[in-house]
Amino acid sequence: MKIKKAIEILTMYLEKDKETVEYYNNEIEGAILEIFEDSIGAYEVAIEALDKQVEKIPIKMYEDKNNKNVWRCPICNLPNIYPEDNYCLHCGQKLDWSVEE
């Protein structure tokens, strides 16, 4: 299964759980509510982790005095990332350096 498809499926289940909790509003409580809250939290963490594996193109900031491009992470905006970095050192986002080629 592709990462984007997995994210799509998890997002669908996340939204269904949120809709269920909202629909039943105050009627769900105790252990059942806790199960839904845990499920929602787990979906959110899984989606975030999977999304970090989808390559994102870094943002060019400027050229330095040696005519070398200086980049920043498209997610957390960490400056000074370089093509030899496959992942952002701060947030772990996978980087797509095809723009550098």
Protein backbone atom coordinates (compact mmCIF):
# COMPACT_ATOMS: atom_id res chain seq x y z
CA MET A 1 0.00 0.00 0.00
CA LYS A 2 1.21 3.48 -0.84
CA ILE A 3 1.70 6.03 1.93
CA LYS A 4 -0.83 8.48 0.49
CA LYS A 5 -3.50 5.76 0.31
CA ALA A 6 -2.80 4.77 3.93
CA ILE A 7 -3.14 8.42 4.99
CA GLU A 8 -6.43 8.64 3.09
CA ILE A 9 -7.83 5.55 4.84
CA LEU A 10 -6.66 6.62 8.29
CA THR A 11 -8.11 10.10 7.74
CA MET A 12 -11.46 8.55 6.81
CA TYR A 13 -11.53 6.50 10.05
CA LEU A 14 -10.38 9.51 12.06
CA GLU A 15 -13.25 11.61 10.71
CA LYS A 16 -15.77 8.79 11.36
CA ASP A 17 -14.65 8.53 15.00
CA LYS A 18 -14.84 12.32 15.43
CA GLU A 19 -18.32 12.35 13.87
CA THR A 20 -19.44 9.55 16.18
CA VAL A 21 -18.24 11.38 19.29
CA GLU A 22 -19.85 14.61 18.09
CA TYR A 23 -23.13 12.89 17.15
CA TYR A 24 -23.53 11.19 20.51
CA ASN A 25 -22.18 14.27 22.29
CA ASN A 26 -22.82 13.78 26.02
CA GLU A 27 -24.20 10.26 25.72
CA ILE A 28 -20.77 8.67 25.35
CA GLU A 29 -18.83 8.59 28.58
CA GLY A 30 -16.38 6.60 30.63
CA ALA A 31 -14.48 3.74 29.03
CA ILE A 32 -16.24 4.05 25.67
CA LEU A 33 -15.38 7.74 25.36
CA GLU A 34 -11.81 6.95 26.37
CA ILE A 35 -11.57 4.33 23.60
CA PHE A 36 -12.76 6.86 21.01
CA GLU A 37 -10.36 9.54 22.30
CA ASP A 38 -7.45 7.08 22.22
CA SER A 39 -8.42 5.99 18.73
CA ILE A 40 -8.62 9.58 17.48
CA GLY A 41 -5.22 10.37 19.02
CA ALA A 42 -3.65 7.26 17.48
CA TYR A 43 -5.02 8.11 14.02
CA GLU A 44 -3.65 11.66 14.30
CA VAL A 45 -0.17 10.44 15.31
CA ALA A 46 -0.12 7.81 12.55
CA ILE A 47 -1.21 10.30 9.89
CA GLU A 48 1.42 12.82 10.99
CA ALA A 49 4.18 10.17 10.99
CA LEU A 50 3.20 8.84 7.58
CA ASP A 51 2.93 12.34 6.13
CA LYS A 52 6.56 12.99 7.13
CA GLN A 53 7.54 10.14 4.79
CA VAL A 54 5.95 11.89 1.80
CA GLU A 55 8.76 13.91 0.24
CA LYS A 56 8.30 17.68 0.33
CA ILE A 57 10.31 20.17 -1.70
CA PRO A 58 12.51 22.47 0.40
CA ILE A 59 12.07 26.22 -0.01
CA LYS A 60 14.95 28.19 -1.46
CA MET A 61 15.82 31.14 0.73
CA TYR A 62 18.72 32.75 -1.12
CA GLU A 63 22.14 32.18 -2.64
CA ASP A 64 25.06 32.69 -0.30
CA LYS A 65 28.24 34.57 -1.19
CA ASN A 66 29.67 31.36 -2.75
CA ASN A 67 26.63 31.07 -5.07
CA LYS A 68 25.38 28.08 -3.07
CA ASN A 69 21.62 27.84 -2.54
CA VAL A 70 20.43 28.06 1.06
CA TRP A 71 17.19 26.17 1.79
CA ARG A 72 14.63 25.85 4.57
CA CYS A 73 12.26 23.05 5.55
CA PRO A 74 8.76 23.45 4.05
CA ILE A 75 7.14 22.17 7.27
CA CYS A 76 8.97 23.64 10.28
CA ASN A 77 10.90 26.39 8.41
CA LEU A 78 14.27 25.26 9.81
CA PRO A 79 16.83 27.31 7.85
CA ASN A 80 20.12 26.08 6.46
CA ILE A 81 19.24 22.63 5.21
CA TYR A 82 21.31 21.23 2.34
CA PRO A 83 20.87 18.67 -0.45
CA GLU A 84 22.90 16.12 1.51
CA ASP A 85 20.14 16.15 4.15
CA ASN A 86 17.52 13.55 3.22
CA TYR A 87 15.37 14.58 6.18
CA CYS A 88 14.91 17.82 8.11
CA LEU A 89 17.12 17.66 11.17
CA HIS A 90 14.46 19.39 13.28
CA CYS A 91 11.07 17.84 12.38
CA GLY A 92 12.08 14.71 10.44
CA GLN A 93 10.27 15.65 7.22
CA LYS A 94 11.55 13.68 4.20
CA LEU A 95 12.91 16.10 1.62
CA ASP A 96 12.63 16.05 -2.17
CA TRP A 97 15.76 17.53 -3.72
CA SER A 98 14.67 17.06 -7.34
CA VAL A 99 14.51 20.87 -7.65
CA GLU A 100 18.26 20.97 -7.04
CA GLU A 101 19.05 18.70 -10.00
